[in-house]
C-alpha atoms as a PDB file:
ATOM      1  CA  MET A   1      18.026  -5.761   6.727  1.00  0.00           C
ATOM      2  CA  LYS A   2      19.270  -4.753   3.179  1.00  0.00           C
ATOM      3  CA  LEU A   3      15.869  -4.313   1.852  1.00  0.00           C
ATOM      4  CA  THR A   4      15.669  -2.061  -1.285  1.00  0.00           C
ATOM      5  CA  ALA A   5      12.961   0.498  -1.117  1.00  0.00           C
ATOM      6  CA  VAL A   6      11.240   3.211  -3.335  1.00  0.00           C
ATOM      7  CA  ALA A   7       8.634   5.734  -2.887  1.00  0.00           C
ATOM      8  CA  VAL A   8       6.037   5.637  -5.696  1.00  0.00           C
ATOM      9  CA  ASN A   9       3.313   8.297  -6.470  1.00  0.00           C
ATOM     10  CA  GLY A  10       1.957  10.023  -9.517  1.00  0.00           C
ATOM     11  CA  GLU A  11       5.113  11.990  -9.880  1.00  0.00           C
ATOM     12  CA  THR A  12       7.712   9.278  -9.303  1.00  0.00           C
ATOM     13  CA  TYR A  13       6.309   6.483 -11.120  1.00  0.00           C
ATOM     14  CA  ASN A  14       7.763   5.374 -14.290  1.00  0.00           C
ATOM     15  CA  GLN A  15       7.708   2.263 -16.443  1.00  0.00           C
ATOM     16  CA  SER A  16      11.465   1.161 -15.257  1.00  0.00           C
ATOM     17  CA  LEU A  17       9.859   0.260 -11.802  1.00  0.00           C
ATOM     18  CA  HIS A  18       8.353  -2.783 -13.689  1.00  0.00           C
ATOM     19  CA  GLN A  19      11.461  -4.009 -15.494  1.00  0.00           C
ATOM     20  CA  LYS A  20      14.168  -3.599 -12.722  1.00  0.00           C
ATOM     21  CA  GLN A  21      12.081  -5.521 -10.074  1.00  0.00           C
ATOM     22  CA  GLN A  22      14.812  -4.533  -7.507  1.00  0.00           C
ATOM     23  CA  TYR A  23      12.577  -3.268  -4.685  1.00  0.00           C
ATOM     24  CA  GLN A  24      11.138  -5.256  -1.787  1.00  0.00           C
ATOM     25  CA  VAL A  25       9.527  -2.216  -0.105  1.00  0.00           C
ATOM     26  CA  ILE A  26       7.560   0.086  -2.083  1.00  0.00           C
ATOM     27  CA  ILE A  27       6.155   3.151  -0.065  1.00  0.00           C
ATOM     28  CA  THR A  28       2.975   4.249  -1.837  1.00  0.00           C
ATOM     29  CA  SER A  29      -0.900   5.090  -1.340  1.00  0.00           C
ATOM     30  CA  PRO A  30      -3.893   3.179  -1.708  1.00  0.00           C
ATOM     31  CA  GLU A  31      -4.771   5.663  -4.415  1.00  0.00           C
ATOM     32  CA  MET A  32      -1.815   4.808  -6.370  1.00  0.00           C
ATOM     33  CA  CYS A  33      -2.344   1.092  -6.037  1.00  0.00           C
ATOM     34  CA  LEU A  34      -6.186   1.118  -6.931  1.00  0.00           C
ATOM     35  CA  ASN A  35      -6.397   4.059  -9.397  1.00  0.00           C
ATOM     36  CA  HIS A  36      -3.237   4.168 -11.428  1.00  0.00           C
ATOM     37  CA  ASP A  37      -3.716   1.392 -14.021  1.00  0.00           C
ATOM     38  CA  PRO A  38       0.079   0.877 -15.006  1.00  0.00           C
ATOM     39  CA  PHE A  39       1.185   0.480 -11.289  1.00  0.00           C
ATOM     40  CA  GLN A  40      -1.853  -1.735 -10.579  1.00  0.00           C
ATOM     41  CA  LYS A  41      -0.827  -4.006 -13.546  1.00  0.00           C
ATOM     42  CA  ALA A  42       2.610  -4.236 -12.012  1.00  0.00           C
ATOM     43  CA  LEU A  43       1.344  -5.113  -8.760  1.00  0.00           C
ATOM     44  CA  THR A  44      -0.681  -8.053 -10.103  1.00  0.00           C
ATOM     45  CA  CYS A  45       2.319  -9.376 -12.245  1.00  0.00           C
ATOM     46  CA  PRO A  46       3.426 -12.651 -10.601  1.00  0.00           C
ATOM     47  CA  ASN A  47       7.021 -11.827 -11.169  1.00  0.00           C
ATOM     48  CA  PHE A  48       6.949  -8.261  -9.686  1.00  0.00           C
ATOM     49  CA  ALA A  49       4.593  -9.194  -6.791  1.00  0.00           C
ATOM     50  CA  ALA A  50       6.953 -12.001  -5.923  1.00  0.00           C
ATOM     51  CA  GLN A  51       9.502  -9.522  -4.709  1.00  0.00           C
ATOM     52  CA  ILE A  52       7.238  -7.572  -2.388  1.00  0.00           C
ATOM     53  CA  ALA A  53       8.114  -8.302   1.190  1.00  0.00           C
ATOM     54  CA  VAL A  54       5.444  -6.119   2.895  1.00  0.00           C
ATOM     55  CA  VAL A  55       2.732  -3.506   2.092  1.00  0.00           C
ATOM     56  CA  VAL A  56       2.727  -0.611   4.512  1.00  0.00           C
ATOM     57  CA  ILE A  57      -0.248   1.861   4.858  1.00  0.00           C
ATOM     58  CA  ASP A  58       0.468   4.802   6.806  1.00  0.00           C
ATOM     59  CA  LYS A  59      -1.753   7.420   8.466  1.00  0.00           C
ATOM     60  CA  ALA A  60      -4.174   4.916  10.079  1.00  0.00           C
ATOM     61  CA  HIS A  61      -5.133   7.443  12.760  1.00  0.00           C
ATOM     62  CA  CYS A  62      -6.594   9.776  10.089  1.00  0.00           C
ATOM     63  CA  ILE A  63      -9.160   7.034   9.174  1.00  0.00           C
ATOM     64  CA  GLN A  64     -10.942   7.505  12.452  1.00  0.00           C
ATOM     65  CA  LEU A  65     -10.003  11.035  13.035  1.00  0.00           C
ATOM     66  CA  TRP A  66     -11.353  12.368   9.757  1.00  0.00           C
ATOM     67  CA  GLY A  67     -14.178   9.871   9.194  1.00  0.00           C
ATOM     68  CA  ASP A  68     -15.424   7.858   6.454  1.00  0.00           C
ATOM     69  CA  ASN A  69     -14.983  10.690   3.934  1.00  0.00           C
ATOM     70  CA  PHE A  70     -11.291  10.756   4.351  1.00  0.00           C
ATOM     71  CA  ARG A  71      -9.546   9.595   1.199  1.00  0.00           C
ATOM     72  CA  LYS A  72     -12.166   6.996   0.170  1.00  0.00           C
ATOM     73  CA  ASP A  73      -9.658   4.559  -1.096  1.00  0.00           C
ATOM     74  CA  TYR A  74      -8.648   3.935   2.415  1.00  0.00           C
ATOM     75  CA  SER A  75     -12.053   2.058   2.675  1.00  0.00           C
ATOM     76  CA  LEU A  76     -10.984  -0.147  -0.176  1.00  0.00           C
ATOM     77  CA  LEU A  77      -7.891  -1.631   1.456  1.00  0.00           C
ATOM     78  CA  GLY A  78      -9.571  -4.964   1.112  1.00  0.00           C
ATOM     79  CA  ALA A  79      -9.353  -4.699  -2.787  1.00  0.00           C
ATOM     80  CA  LEU A  80      -5.646  -3.843  -2.309  1.00  0.00           C
ATOM     81  CA  CYS A  81      -5.133  -7.081  -0.394  1.00  0.00           C
ATOM     82  CA  ALA A  82      -6.658  -8.843  -3.455  1.00  0.00           C
ATOM     83  CA  LEU A  83      -4.001  -7.616  -5.635  1.00  0.00           C
ATOM     84  CA  VAL A  84      -0.997  -8.996  -4.289  1.00  0.00           C
ATOM     85  CA  PRO A  85      -0.311 -12.765  -3.202  1.00  0.00           C
ATOM     86  CA  SER A  86      -1.975 -13.685   0.017  1.00  0.00           C
ATOM     87  CA  TYR A  87       1.327 -14.437   1.744  1.00  0.00           C
ATOM     88  CA  VAL A  88       2.250 -10.598   1.651  1.00  0.00           C
ATOM     89  CA  PRO A  89       1.631  -9.143   5.021  1.00  0.00           C
ATOM     90  CA  PHE A  90      -0.162  -5.793   5.449  1.00  0.00           C
ATOM     91  CA  LEU A  91       1.147  -3.517   8.162  1.00  0.00           C
ATOM     92  CA  VAL A  92      -1.103  -0.400   9.086  1.00  0.00           C
ATOM     93  CA  THR A  93       0.937   2.190  10.778  1.00  0.00           C
ATOM     94  CA  SER A  94       0.472   5.464  12.638  1.00  0.00           C
ATOM     95  CA  ALA A  95       2.490   7.546  14.902  1.00  0.00           C
ATOM     96  CA  THR A  96      -0.576   8.494  16.963  1.00  0.00           C
ATOM     97  CA  LEU A  97      -3.152   5.482  16.757  1.00  0.00           C
ATOM     98  CA  PRO A  98      -4.760   5.147  20.230  1.00  0.00           C
ATOM     99  CA  PRO A  99      -6.197   1.866  21.023  1.00  0.00           C
ATOM    100  CA  LEU A 100      -9.730   2.760  20.418  1.00  0.00           C
ATOM    101  CA  ASP A 101      -9.161   4.056  16.943  1.00  0.00           C
ATOM    102  CA  LEU A 102      -7.062   0.894  16.224  1.00  0.00           C
ATOM    103  CA  THR A 103     -10.185  -1.291  16.998  1.00  0.00           C
ATOM    104  CA  TYR A 104     -12.164   1.074  14.600  1.00  0.00           C
ATOM    105  CA  VAL A 105      -9.341   0.793  11.801  1.00  0.00           C
ATOM    106  CA  CYS A 106      -9.412  -3.021  12.271  1.00  0.00           C
ATOM    107  CA  THR A 107     -13.217  -3.238  11.686  1.00  0.00           C
END
């Protein structure tokens, strides 16, 4: 598919991410998007956001499995949706998400 990708977390983030604008897939966490001010600023920059093809949220099975206390920022995914253009799709993934848990995650 020739998509460029990068993993972004507190240890790998650097300012050059903003300037290069070469990545279409960014693998990160809700915490990084919502609590890391420089990265959040990049996500809301129209030039940067225009390059994003999809937002992928992993570990969805843990939301139901571990309850409401599991990584509080997962409950704020609606706020994350508001940071990027509305046409950018969100994909919630899990290797082990049974149908009943999927229903819970989607509500």
